Amino acid sequence: MKIIPVFLPYAGCKHRCVFCDQVGATGVSKKISPRELESLLERYANPQEKYEVAFYGGTFTALPVGEQLEYLKVIRRWMEEGIVEGIRISTRPDEIDEERADFLKKWGVKTIEIGVQSMDDRVLDTSKRGHTSDDSRKAISVLKKFEFVVGAHLMVGLPGSSFESDIRSALEIARIGVDIARIHPTLVFKTSELRKMMERGEYSPLTLDEAVDLVSDMVMILEARNVRVIRIGLYVPPELRSNIVAGPYHPSFGDLVRVHILRKLIEEFNAKEITVDEKRAGWLFGYDGKKWLRGRGIEVLRASEFKLSGMTYEKAVVEYCRRREWW
């Protein structure tokens, strides 16, 4: 199913987080109107395709109810025609309750992604998130009750965070039982408060190597609990990358993480013979992978399933987490 992205920069936001620069990251400075949304859907309209309309940026459920309804009514017609099959929204954990969940369910919203960022209250406070970890627990519980597909967005390297606190956030989100997750490292944008904090010596971003290492463990923690990680790293269009002044940005950050995961598993289980499927072959052989494998005397065979030391990828990830008592 194809996604029709709809950006609502800062719409409904009652707080400005220290790291946030939605305009600098997306290039979208004005929220779309319901009429413009209608035009957008008309441009996408293709009876041969199925779509999901996804609202990104801002805090959808903090918009006035009437404004939410205008957007949802526009989409309803396309759902009735069978072209749009679902709606996805992004919001904050302190802007979800049973009344709002019931309203969204009735209007065809299927997936709700919560900006959790961290489950460490000190980190949330330092980042000026304006909510607590308990708000995230309550919001996720409500959304699961109403049988939404529940997503959690996590960030690593926030002010006041540590390797341990970020790992704990992934562990708790996995145990709570969200369905999907996104993870990206904290970047310092030109117009963010975080830039001023960095210039005052109050914040130091992660290095790229540190971020890749940390996020690779977090992805395994989540996948070991059957949480589907749908995005690793923040996408910033090439023409906007000059807005990033510091932080572990890489245009293929997700690929770096996937490469690192496979190498961690190979080293953890001292694998000498590996079968690799088409899905993971690019990660295994990319980024000097052939040289890395050759240097360790590892033989790689092509197959329909990835296996190392007799284990599937899924079993290897679970065992890796068990050995670290992340289970």
C-alpha atoms as a PDB file:
ATOM      1  CA  MET A   1       0.000   0.000   0.000  1.00  0.00           C
ATOM      2  CA  LYS A   2       1.344   3.429  -0.924  1.00  0.00           C
ATOM      3  CA  ILE A   3       1.507   6.275   1.580  1.00  0.00           C
ATOM      4  CA  ILE A   4       0.293   9.786   0.826  1.00  0.00           C
ATOM      5  CA  PRO A   5       2.273  11.991   3.252  1.00  0.00           C
ATOM      6  CA  VAL A   6       0.561  15.084   4.647  1.00  0.00           C
ATOM      7  CA  PHE A   7       2.768  17.459   6.657  1.00  0.00           C
ATOM      8  CA  LEU A   8       1.356  19.659   9.414  1.00  0.00           C
ATOM      9  CA  PRO A   9       4.468  21.445  10.761  1.00  0.00           C
ATOM     10  CA  TYR A  10       3.987  22.498  14.407  1.00  0.00           C
ATOM     11  CA  ALA A  11       0.193  22.256  14.024  1.00  0.00           C
ATOM     12  CA  GLY A  12      -1.369  21.669  17.426  1.00  0.00           C
ATOM     13  CA  CYS A  13       2.010  21.757  19.192  1.00  0.00           C
ATOM     14  CA  LYS A  14       1.815  23.372  22.624  1.00  0.00           C
ATOM     15  CA  HIS A  15       5.511  22.845  23.366  1.00  0.00           C
ATOM     16  CA  ARG A  16       8.693  23.510  21.430  1.00  0.00           C
ATOM     17  CA  CYS A  17      11.147  20.706  22.145  1.00  0.00           C
ATOM     18  CA  VAL A  18      14.808  21.726  22.264  1.00  0.00           C
ATOM     19  CA  PHE A  19      15.695  19.524  19.282  1.00  0.00           C
ATOM     20  CA  CYS A  20      12.771  20.431  17.046  1.00  0.00           C
ATOM     21  CA  ASP A  21      13.014  22.181  13.696  1.00  0.00           C
ATOM     22  CA  GLN A  22      10.258  20.692  11.566  1.00  0.00           C
ATOM     23  CA  VAL A  23      10.647  23.319   8.850  1.00  0.00           C
ATOM     24  CA  GLY A  24      14.428  22.866   8.648  1.00  0.00           C
ATOM     25  CA  ALA A  25      14.036  19.085   8.390  1.00  0.00           C
ATOM     26  CA  THR A  26      11.181  18.950   5.861  1.00  0.00           C
ATOM     27  CA  GLY A  27      11.136  22.269   4.040  1.00  0.00           C
ATOM     28  CA  VAL A  28       7.383  22.520   4.729  1.00  0.00           C
ATOM     29  CA  SER A  29       6.564  25.771   6.524  1.00  0.00           C
ATOM     30  CA  LYS A  30       2.775  25.862   6.272  1.00  0.00           C
ATOM     31  CA  LYS A  31       0.229  23.226   7.161  1.00  0.00           C
ATOM     32  CA  ILE A  32      -1.961  21.969   4.368  1.00  0.00           C
ATOM     33  CA  SER A  33      -5.587  23.096   4.355  1.00  0.00           C
ATOM     34  CA  PRO A  34      -8.507  20.668   3.929  1.00  0.00           C
ATOM     35  CA  ARG A  35      -9.058  22.074   0.412  1.00  0.00           C
ATOM     36  CA  GLU A  36      -5.396  21.541  -0.445  1.00  0.00           C
ATOM     37  CA  LEU A  37      -5.662  18.020   0.959  1.00  0.00           C
ATOM     38  CA  GLU A  38      -8.522  17.366  -1.477  1.00  0.00           C
ATOM     39  CA  SER A  39      -6.332  18.547  -4.356  1.00  0.00           C
ATOM     40  CA  LEU A  40      -3.453  16.377  -3.135  1.00  0.00           C
ATOM     41  CA  LEU A  41      -5.661  13.293  -3.085  1.00  0.00           C
ATOM     42  CA  GLU A  42      -6.963  14.080  -6.557  1.00  0.00           C
ATOM     43  CA  ARG A  43      -3.385  14.142  -7.856  1.00  0.00           C
ATOM     44  CA  TYR A  44      -2.704  10.745  -6.281  1.00  0.00           C
ATOM     45  CA  ALA A  45      -6.035   9.215  -7.289  1.00  0.00           C
ATOM     46  CA  ASN A  46      -5.532   5.975  -9.167  1.00  0.00           C
ATOM     47  CA  PRO A  47      -8.240   3.327  -8.917  1.00  0.00           C
ATOM     48  CA  GLN A  48      -5.584   0.672  -9.559  1.00  0.00           C
ATOM     49  CA  GLU A  49      -3.698   1.584  -6.371  1.00  0.00           C
ATOM     50  CA  LYS A  50      -4.465   1.485  -2.661  1.00  0.00           C
ATOM     51  CA  TYR A  51      -3.324   4.285  -0.372  1.00  0.00           C
ATOM     52  CA  GLU A  52      -2.897   5.250   3.252  1.00  0.00           C
ATOM     53  CA  VAL A  53      -3.048   8.939   4.156  1.00  0.00           C
ATOM     54  CA  ALA A  54      -0.410   9.705   6.799  1.00  0.00           C
ATOM     55  CA  PHE A  55      -0.313  12.932   8.797  1.00  0.00           C
ATOM     56  CA  TYR A  56       3.234  13.802   9.894  1.00  0.00           C
ATOM     57  CA  GLY A  57       4.571  16.678  11.980  1.00  0.00           C
ATOM     58  CA  GLY A  58       2.603  18.634  14.539  1.00  0.00           C
ATOM     59  CA  THR A  59       0.193  17.035  16.993  1.00  0.00           C
ATOM     60  CA  PHE A  60      -2.925  15.916  15.151  1.00  0.00           C
ATOM     61  CA  THR A  61      -5.076  15.188  18.203  1.00  0.00           C
ATOM     62  CA  ALA A  62      -4.289  18.609  19.725  1.00  0.00           C
ATOM     63  CA  LEU A  63      -5.884  20.387  16.776  1.00  0.00           C
ATOM     64  CA  PRO A  64      -9.403  21.704  17.408  1.00  0.00           C
ATOM     65  CA  VAL A  65     -11.854  18.840  16.902  1.00  0.00           C
ATOM     66  CA  GLY A  66     -13.588  20.734  14.123  1.00  0.00           C
ATOM     67  CA  GLU A  67     -10.323  21.040  12.208  1.00  0.00           C
ATOM     68  CA  GLN A  68      -9.544  17.346  12.663  1.00  0.00           C
ATOM     69  CA  LEU A  69     -13.009  16.571  11.372  1.00  0.00           C
ATOM     70  CA  GLU A  70     -12.490  18.681   8.235  1.00  0.00           C
ATOM     71  CA  TYR A  71      -9.420  16.654   7.301  1.00  0.00           C
ATOM     72  CA  LEU A  72     -11.077  13.336   8.088  1.00  0.00           C
ATOM     73  CA  LYS A  73     -14.217  14.195   6.114  1.00  0.00           C
ATOM     74  CA  VAL A  74     -12.100  14.911   3.036  1.00  0.00           C
ATOM     75  CA  ILE A  75     -10.478  11.485   3.328  1.00  0.00           C
ATOM     76  CA  ARG A  76     -13.762   9.683   4.060  1.00  0.00           C
ATOM     77  CA  ARG A  77     -14.978  10.151   0.457  1.00  0.00           C
ATOM     78  CA  TRP A  78     -11.818   8.533  -0.889  1.00  0.00           C
ATOM     79  CA  MET A  79     -12.216   5.682   1.569  1.00  0.00           C
ATOM     80  CA  GLU A  80     -15.794   5.115   0.410  1.00  0.00           C
ATOM     81  CA  GLU A  81     -14.499   4.873  -3.161  1.00  0.00           C
ATOM     82  CA  GLY A  82     -11.983   2.244  -2.060  1.00  0.00           C
ATOM     83  CA  ILE A  83      -8.887   4.235  -3.051  1.00  0.00           C
ATOM     84  CA  VAL A  84      -7.795   5.116   0.507  1.00  0.00           C
ATOM     85  CA  GLU A  85      -7.773   2.149   2.865  1.00  0.00           C
ATOM     86  CA  GLY A  86      -6.586   3.785   6.051  1.00  0.00           C
ATOM     87  CA  ILE A  87      -5.362   6.841   7.906  1.00  0.00           C
ATOM     88  CA  ARG A  88      -2.222   7.196   9.998  1.00  0.00           C
ATOM     89  CA  ILE A  89      -1.624  10.077  12.412  1.00  0.00           C
ATOM     90  CA  SER A  90       1.223  11.216  14.632  1.00  0.00           C
ATOM     91  CA  THR A  91       0.632  12.751  18.031  1.00  0.00           C
ATOM     92  CA  ARG A  92       1.951  13.208  21.565  1.00  0.00           C
ATOM     93  CA  PRO A  93       1.295  10.831  24.467  1.00  0.00           C
ATOM     94  CA  ASP A  94      -0.364  13.552  26.546  1.00  0.00           C
ATOM     95  CA  GLU A  95      -2.861  14.292  23.758  1.00  0.00           C
ATOM     96  CA  ILE A  96      -4.486  10.851  23.712  1.00  0.00           C
ATOM     97  CA  ASP A  97      -7.389   9.655  25.831  1.00  0.00           C
ATOM     98  CA  GLU A  98     -10.365   7.345  25.359  1.00  0.00           C
ATOM     99  CA  GLU A  99     -12.647  10.054  23.989  1.00  0.00           C
ATOM    100  CA  ARG A 100     -10.159  11.034  21.294  1.00  0.00           C
ATOM    101  CA  ALA A 101      -9.325   7.416  20.515  1.00  0.00           C
ATOM    102  CA  ASP A 102     -13.005   6.605  20.033  1.00  0.00           C
ATOM    103  CA  PHE A 103     -13.442   9.615  17.736  1.00  0.00           C
ATOM    104  CA  LEU A 104     -10.457   8.651  15.558  1.00  0.00           C
ATOM    105  CA  LYS A 105     -11.558   5.025  15.341  1.00  0.00           C
ATOM    106  CA  LYS A 106     -14.977   6.037  14.040  1.00  0.00           C
ATOM    107  CA  TRP A 107     -13.387   8.155  11.316  1.00  0.00           C
ATOM    108  CA  GLY A 108     -11.179   5.453   9.874  1.00  0.00           C
ATOM    109  CA  VAL A 109      -7.832   6.058  11.574  1.00  0.00           C
ATOM    110  CA  LYS A 110      -5.993   2.732  11.746  1.00  0.00           C
ATOM    111  CA  THR A 111      -2.463   3.606  12.890  1.00  0.00           C
ATOM    112  CA  ILE A 112      -1.415   6.075  15.576  1.00  0.00           C
ATOM    113  CA  GLU A 113       2.247   6.846  16.176  1.00  0.00           C
ATOM    114  CA  ILE A 114       3.201   8.346  19.512  1.00  0.00           C
ATOM    115  CA  GLY A 115       6.209  10.627  19.963  1.00  0.00           C
ATOM    116  CA  VAL A 116       7.599   8.806  22.990  1.00  0.00           C
ATOM    117  CA  GLN A 117      11.246   9.840  22.341  1.00  0.00           C
ATOM    118  CA  SER A 118      12.442   8.509  25.726  1.00  0.00           C
ATOM    119  CA  MET A 119      11.076   6.655  28.749  1.00  0.00           C
ATOM    120  CA  ASP A 120      13.440   8.539  31.059  1.00  0.00           C
ATOM    121  CA  ASP A 121      11.639  11.437  32.761  1.00  0.00           C
ATOM    122  CA  ARG A 122      14.865  13.389  33.316  1.00  0.00           C
ATOM    123  CA  VAL A 123      15.643  13.227  29.600  1.00  0.00           C
ATOM    124  CA  LEU A 124      12.085  14.293  28.718  1.00  0.00           C
ATOM    125  CA  ASP A 125      12.311  17.240  31.086  1.00  0.00           C
ATOM    126  CA  THR A 126      15.714  18.367  29.787  1.00  0.00           C
ATOM    127  CA  SER A 127      14.415  18.127  26.222  1.00  0.00           C
ATOM    128  CA  LYS A 128      11.325  20.223  27.151  1.00  0.00           C
ATOM    129  CA  ARG A 129       8.947  17.568  25.927  1.00  0.00           C
ATOM    130  CA  GLY A 130       6.205  18.624  28.333  1.00  0.00           C
ATOM    131  CA  HIS A 131       5.067  15.077  29.103  1.00  0.00           C
ATOM    132  CA  THR A 132       6.239  12.157  31.227  1.00  0.00           C
ATOM    133  CA  SER A 133       7.002   8.513  30.572  1.00  0.00           C
ATOM    134  CA  ASP A 134       3.793   7.642  32.399  1.00  0.00           C
ATOM    135  CA  ASP A 135       1.855   9.635  29.789  1.00  0.00           C
ATOM    136  CA  SER A 136       3.367   7.333  27.151  1.00  0.00           C
ATOM    137  CA  ARG A 137       2.378   4.207  29.081  1.00  0.00           C
ATOM    138  CA  LYS A 138      -1.201   5.451  29.475  1.00  0.00           C
ATOM    139  CA  ALA A 139      -1.528   6.533  25.833  1.00  0.00           C
ATOM    140  CA  ILE A 140      -0.248   3.233  24.486  1.00  0.00           C
ATOM    141  CA  SER A 141      -2.603   1.334  26.802  1.00  0.00           C
ATOM    142  CA  VAL A 142      -5.584   3.349  25.534  1.00  0.00           C
ATOM    143  CA  LEU A 143      -4.638   2.842  21.881  1.00  0.00           C
ATOM    144  CA  LYS A 144      -4.198  -0.904  22.360  1.00  0.00           C
ATOM    145  CA  LYS A 145      -7.621  -1.046  24.018  1.00  0.00           C
ATOM    146  CA  PHE A 146      -9.144   0.506  20.892  1.00  0.00           C
ATOM    147  CA  GLU A 147      -7.154  -1.905  18.686  1.00  0.00           C
ATOM    148  CA  PHE A 148      -5.171   0.650  16.716  1.00  0.00           C
ATOM    149  CA  VAL A 149      -1.859  -0.270  15.153  1.00  0.00           C
ATOM    150  CA  VAL A 150       0.330   1.456  17.748  1.00  0.00           C
ATOM    151  CA  GLY A 151       3.660   3.030  16.885  1.00  0.00           C
ATOM    152  CA  ALA A 152       6.355   4.556  19.076  1.00  0.00           C
ATOM    153  CA  HIS A 153       8.974   7.060  17.984  1.00  0.00           C
ATOM    154  CA  LEU A 154      12.256   6.911  19.905  1.00  0.00           C
ATOM    155  CA  MET A 155      15.278   9.208  19.768  1.00  0.00           C
ATOM    156  CA  VAL A 156      18.804   8.485  20.948  1.00  0.00           C
ATOM    157  CA  GLY A 157      21.375  10.966  22.178  1.00  0.00           C
ATOM    158  CA  LEU A 158      18.898  13.457  23.623  1.00  0.00           C
ATOM    159  CA  PRO A 159      20.172  15.912  26.280  1.00  0.00           C
ATOM    160  CA  GLY A 160      20.720  14.057  29.547  1.00  0.00           C
ATOM    161  CA  SER A 161      20.461  10.625  27.957  1.00  0.00           C
ATOM    162  CA  SER A 162      23.012   7.833  28.084  1.00  0.00           C
ATOM    163  CA  PHE A 163      23.551   4.490  26.371  1.00  0.00           C
ATOM    164  CA  GLU A 164      21.863   2.829  29.359  1.00  0.00           C
ATOM    165  CA  SER A 165      18.831   5.146  29.429  1.00  0.00           C
ATOM    166  CA  ASP A 166      18.225   4.733  25.692  1.00  0.00           C
ATOM    167  CA  ILE A 167      18.486   0.946  25.991  1.00  0.00           C
ATOM    168  CA  ARG A 168      15.981   1.044  28.867  1.00  0.00           C
ATOM    169  CA  SER A 169      13.587   3.056  26.697  1.00  0.00           C
ATOM    170  CA  ALA A 170      13.717   0.410  23.975  1.00  0.00           C
ATOM    171  CA  LEU A 171      13.251  -2.357  26.538  1.00  0.00           C
ATOM    172  CA  GLU A 172      10.179  -0.759  28.046  1.00  0.00           C
ATOM    173  CA  ILE A 173       8.579   0.048  24.708  1.00  0.00           C
ATOM    174  CA  ALA A 174       9.157  -3.543  23.607  1.00  0.00           C
ATOM    175  CA  ARG A 175       7.620  -4.908  26.805  1.00  0.00           C
ATOM    176  CA  ILE A 176       4.603  -2.595  26.590  1.00  0.00           C
ATOM    177  CA  GLY A 177       3.888  -4.216  23.242  1.00  0.00           C
ATOM    178  CA  VAL A 178       3.741  -1.541  20.544  1.00  0.00           C
ATOM    179  CA  ASP A 179       3.386  -2.837  17.003  1.00  0.00           C
ATOM    180  CA  ILE A 180       5.821  -0.608  15.123  1.00  0.00           C
ATOM    181  CA  ALA A 181       8.667   1.763  15.958  1.00  0.00           C
ATOM    182  CA  ARG A 182      10.887   4.437  14.466  1.00  0.00           C
ATOM    183  CA  ILE A 183      14.301   5.316  15.861  1.00  0.00           C
ATOM    184  CA  HIS A 184      16.572   8.163  14.914  1.00  0.00           C
ATOM    185  CA  PRO A 185      19.573   9.885  16.454  1.00  0.00           C
ATOM    186  CA  THR A 186      19.294  13.437  17.722  1.00  0.00           C
ATOM    187  CA  LEU A 187      20.533  15.965  15.182  1.00  0.00           C
ATOM    188  CA  VAL A 188      21.312  19.612  15.861  1.00  0.00           C
ATOM    189  CA  PHE A 189      19.457  21.934  13.497  1.00  0.00           C
ATOM    190  CA  LYS A 190      20.332  25.581  12.920  1.00  0.00           C
ATOM    191  CA  THR A 191      17.270  27.151  14.494  1.00  0.00           C
ATOM    192  CA  SER A 192      16.792  24.690  17.373  1.00  0.00           C
ATOM    193  CA  GLU A 193      17.377  25.491  21.021  1.00  0.00           C
ATOM    194  CA  LEU A 194      19.675  22.478  21.059  1.00  0.00           C
ATOM    195  CA  ARG A 195      22.162  24.420  18.947  1.00  0.00           C
ATOM    196  CA  LYS A 196      22.350  27.112  21.632  1.00  0.00           C
ATOM    197  CA  MET A 197      22.781  24.433  24.304  1.00  0.00           C
ATOM    198  CA  MET A 198      25.630  22.917  22.310  1.00  0.00           C
ATOM    199  CA  GLU A 199      27.309  26.281  21.834  1.00  0.00           C
ATOM    200  CA  ARG A 200      27.089  26.900  25.599  1.00  0.00           C
ATOM    201  CA  GLY A 201      28.727  23.526  26.225  1.00  0.00           C
ATOM    202  CA  GLU A 202      25.561  22.034  27.700  1.00  0.00           C
ATOM    203  CA  TYR A 203      25.136  19.363  25.043  1.00  0.00           C
ATOM    204  CA  SER A 204      27.379  17.068  23.022  1.00  0.00           C
ATOM    205  CA  PRO A 205      25.873  14.996  20.206  1.00  0.00           C
ATOM    206  CA  LEU A 206      26.683  11.352  19.665  1.00  0.00           C
ATOM    207  CA  THR A 207      29.289  10.444  17.077  1.00  0.00           C
ATOM    208  CA  LEU A 208      28.096   8.454  14.069  1.00  0.00           C
ATOM    209  CA  ASP A 209      29.802   5.300  15.350  1.00  0.00           C
ATOM    210  CA  GLU A 210      28.200   5.697  18.788  1.00  0.00           C
ATOM    211  CA  ALA A 211      24.753   6.223  17.284  1.00  0.00           C
ATOM    212  CA  VAL A 212      25.034   3.228  14.936  1.00  0.00           C
ATOM    213  CA  ASP A 213      26.217   0.967  17.766  1.00  0.00           C
ATOM    214  CA  LEU A 214      23.457   2.078  20.141  1.00  0.00           C
ATOM    215  CA  VAL A 215      20.617   1.966  17.625  1.00  0.00           C
ATOM    216  CA  SER A 216      21.689  -1.483  16.400  1.00  0.00           C
ATOM    217  CA  ASP A 217      21.151  -2.851  19.916  1.00  0.00           C
ATOM    218  CA  MET A 218      17.823  -1.042  20.246  1.00  0.00           C
ATOM    219  CA  VAL A 219      16.576  -2.456  16.950  1.00  0.00           C
ATOM    220  CA  MET A 220      17.433  -5.988  18.105  1.00  0.00           C
ATOM    221  CA  ILE A 221      15.662  -5.424  21.431  1.00  0.00           C
ATOM    222  CA  LEU A 222      12.525  -4.353  19.588  1.00  0.00           C
ATOM    223  CA  GLU A 223      12.646  -7.055  16.927  1.00  0.00           C
ATOM    224  CA  ALA A 224      13.208  -9.735  19.559  1.00  0.00           C
ATOM    225  CA  ARG A 225       9.762  -8.751  20.898  1.00  0.00           C
ATOM    226  CA  ASN A 226       8.206  -8.715  17.413  1.00  0.00           C
ATOM    227  CA  VAL A 227       8.081  -4.929  17.170  1.00  0.00           C
ATOM    228  CA  ARG A 228       8.490  -3.990  13.511  1.00  0.00           C
ATOM    229  CA  VAL A 229      11.048  -1.206  13.097  1.00  0.00           C
ATOM    230  CA  ILE A 230       9.728   0.742  10.118  1.00  0.00           C
ATOM    231  CA  ARG A 231      12.270   3.559  10.034  1.00  0.00           C
ATOM    232  CA  ILE A 232      15.857   3.945  11.252  1.00  0.00           C
ATOM    233  CA  GLY A 233      17.319   7.426  10.958  1.00  0.00           C
ATOM    234  CA  LEU A 234      15.814  10.744   9.968  1.00  0.00           C
ATOM    235  CA  TYR A 235      15.319  11.508   6.293  1.00  0.00           C
ATOM    236  CA  VAL A 236      16.350  15.042   5.396  1.00  0.00           C
ATOM    237  CA  PRO A 237      16.134  16.088   1.723  1.00  0.00           C
ATOM    238  CA  PRO A 238      19.561  16.817   0.177  1.00  0.00           C
ATOM    239  CA  GLU A 239      18.757  20.495  -0.312  1.00  0.00           C
ATOM    240  CA  LEU A 240      18.028  20.902   3.418  1.00  0.00           C
ATOM    241  CA  ARG A 241      21.012  19.071   4.879  1.00  0.00           C
ATOM    242  CA  SER A 242      22.873  22.352   5.367  1.00  0.00           C
ATOM    243  CA  ASN A 243      20.352  23.014   8.177  1.00  0.00           C
ATOM    244  CA  ILE A 244      22.060  20.258  10.199  1.00  0.00           C
ATOM    245  CA  VAL A 245      24.958  21.800  12.121  1.00  0.00           C
ATOM    246  CA  ALA A 246      25.981  18.784  14.219  1.00  0.00           C
ATOM    247  CA  GLY A 247      25.036  15.237  15.120  1.00  0.00           C
ATOM    248  CA  PRO A 248      25.354  11.745  13.623  1.00  0.00           C
ATOM    249  CA  TYR A 249      23.655  12.343  10.303  1.00  0.00           C
ATOM    250  CA  HIS A 250      24.182   9.895   7.457  1.00  0.00           C
ATOM    251  CA  PRO A 251      21.904   9.602   4.410  1.00  0.00           C
ATOM    252  CA  SER A 252      21.992   5.805   4.737  1.00  0.00           C
ATOM    253  CA  PHE A 253      21.917   5.615   8.523  1.00  0.00           C
ATOM    254  CA  GLY A 254      19.428   2.728   8.478  1.00  0.00           C
ATOM    255  CA  ASP A 255      21.683   0.671   6.221  1.00  0.00           C
ATOM    256  CA  LEU A 256      24.665   1.324   8.504  1.00  0.00           C
ATOM    257  CA  VAL A 257      22.638   0.032  11.439  1.00  0.00           C
ATOM    258  CA  ARG A 258      21.527  -3.107   9.569  1.00  0.00           C
ATOM    259  CA  VAL A 259      25.123  -3.829   8.514  1.00  0.00           C
ATOM    260  CA  HIS A 260      26.251  -3.408  12.125  1.00  0.00           C
ATOM    261  CA  ILE A 261      23.538  -5.758  13.404  1.00  0.00           C
ATOM    262  CA  LEU A 262      24.629  -8.560  11.079  1.00  0.00           C
ATOM    263  CA  ARG A 263      28.279  -8.121  12.012  1.00  0.00           C
ATOM    264  CA  LYS A 264      27.437  -8.109  15.707  1.00  0.00           C
ATOM    265  CA  LEU A 265      25.521 -11.354  15.328  1.00  0.00           C
ATOM    266  CA  ILE A 266      28.301 -12.985  13.318  1.00  0.00           C
ATOM    267  CA  GLU A 267      30.888 -12.057  15.950  1.00  0.00           C
ATOM    268  CA  GLU A 268      28.619 -12.943  18.873  1.00  0.00           C
ATOM    269  CA  PHE A 269      28.084 -16.497  17.638  1.00  0.00           C
ATOM    270  CA  ASN A 270      31.495 -16.903  16.006  1.00  0.00           C
ATOM    271  CA  ALA A 271      29.792 -17.941  12.796  1.00  0.00           C
ATOM    272  CA  LYS A 272      32.042 -19.454  10.121  1.00  0.00           C
ATOM    273  CA  GLU A 273      29.398 -20.393   7.583  1.00  0.00           C
ATOM    274  CA  ILE A 274      26.427 -18.212   6.739  1.00  0.00           C
ATOM    275  CA  THR A 275      23.539 -18.508   4.325  1.00  0.00           C
ATOM    276  CA  VAL A 276      22.156 -15.190   3.185  1.00  0.00           C
ATOM    277  CA  ASP A 277      18.825 -14.307   1.590  1.00  0.00           C
ATOM    278  CA  GLU A 278      18.296 -11.597  -0.993  1.00  0.00           C
ATOM    279  CA  LYS A 279      16.866  -9.184   1.593  1.00  0.00           C
ATOM    280  CA  ARG A 280      20.029  -9.119   3.707  1.00  0.00           C
ATOM    281  CA  ALA A 281      22.664  -9.731   1.038  1.00  0.00           C
ATOM    282  CA  GLY A 282      23.153  -6.020   0.386  1.00  0.00           C
ATOM    283  CA  TRP A 283      23.783  -5.331   4.065  1.00  0.00           C
ATOM    284  CA  LEU A 284      26.120  -8.299   4.454  1.00  0.00           C
ATOM    285  CA  PHE A 285      28.255  -7.528   1.409  1.00  0.00           C
ATOM    286  CA  GLY A 286      27.982  -3.736   1.436  1.00  0.00           C
ATOM    287  CA  TYR A 287      30.291  -1.269   3.183  1.00  0.00           C
ATOM    288  CA  ASP A 288      33.426  -3.421   2.599  1.00  0.00           C
ATOM    289  CA  GLY A 289      31.465  -6.444   3.754  1.00  0.00           C
ATOM    290  CA  LYS A 290      33.236  -8.897   1.446  1.00  0.00           C
ATOM    291  CA  LYS A 291      36.615  -7.795   2.797  1.00  0.00           C
ATOM    292  CA  TRP A 292      35.305  -7.971   6.378  1.00  0.00           C
ATOM    293  CA  LEU A 293      34.005 -11.510   5.866  1.00  0.00           C
ATOM    294  CA  ARG A 294      37.140 -12.671   4.056  1.00  0.00           C
ATOM    295  CA  GLY A 295      39.334 -11.392   6.880  1.00  0.00           C
ATOM    296  CA  ARG A 296      37.432 -13.632   9.304  1.00  0.00           C
ATOM    297  CA  GLY A 297      37.468 -16.696   7.084  1.00  0.00           C
ATOM    298  CA  ILE A 298      33.684 -16.739   6.801  1.00  0.00           C
ATOM    299  CA  GLU A 299      32.020 -18.595   3.963  1.00  0.00           C
ATOM    300  CA  VAL A 300      28.768 -17.186   2.659  1.00  0.00           C
ATOM    301  CA  LEU A 301      26.244 -19.190   0.636  1.00  0.00           C
ATOM    302  CA  ARG A 302      23.158 -17.831  -1.101  1.00  0.00           C
ATOM    303  CA  ALA A 303      19.857 -19.260   0.111  1.00  0.00           C
ATOM    304  CA  SER A 304      16.210 -18.377   0.638  1.00  0.00           C
ATOM    305  CA  GLU A 305      16.767 -17.752   4.362  1.00  0.00           C
ATOM    306  CA  PHE A 306      19.446 -16.023   6.420  1.00  0.00           C
ATOM    307  CA  LYS A 307      21.092 -18.385   8.902  1.00  0.00           C
ATOM    308  CA  LEU A 308      24.212 -18.343  11.030  1.00  0.00           C
ATOM    309  CA  SER A 309      25.373 -21.037  13.436  1.00  0.00           C
ATOM    310  CA  GLY A 310      22.189 -22.933  12.589  1.00  0.00           C
ATOM    311  CA  MET A 311      19.961 -20.054  13.715  1.00  0.00           C
ATOM    312  CA  THR A 312      17.578 -17.894  11.729  1.00  0.00           C
ATOM    313  CA  TYR A 313      17.991 -14.135  11.997  1.00  0.00           C
ATOM    314  CA  GLU A 314      15.023 -13.968  14.373  1.00  0.00           C
ATOM    315  CA  LYS A 315      16.395 -16.649  16.711  1.00  0.00           C
ATOM    316  CA  ALA A 316      19.864 -15.084  16.671  1.00  0.00           C
ATOM    317  CA  VAL A 317      18.438 -11.702  17.673  1.00  0.00           C
ATOM    318  CA  VAL A 318      16.494 -13.242  20.555  1.00  0.00           C
ATOM    319  CA  GLU A 319      19.554 -15.146  21.787  1.00  0.00           C
ATOM    320  CA  TYR A 320      21.731 -12.029  21.492  1.00  0.00           C
ATOM    321  CA  CYS A 321      19.276 -10.151  23.735  1.00  0.00           C
ATOM    322  CA  ARG A 322      19.017 -13.046  26.198  1.00  0.00           C
ATOM    323  CA  ARG A 323      22.771 -13.101  26.662  1.00  0.00           C
ATOM    324  CA  ARG A 324      22.595  -9.460  27.718  1.00  0.00           C
ATOM    325  CA  GLU A 325      19.553 -10.023  29.927  1.00  0.00           C
ATOM    326  CA  TRP A 326      17.457  -7.844  27.622  1.00  0.00           C
ATOM    327  CA  TRP A 327      14.660 -10.373  27.621  1.00  0.00           C
END
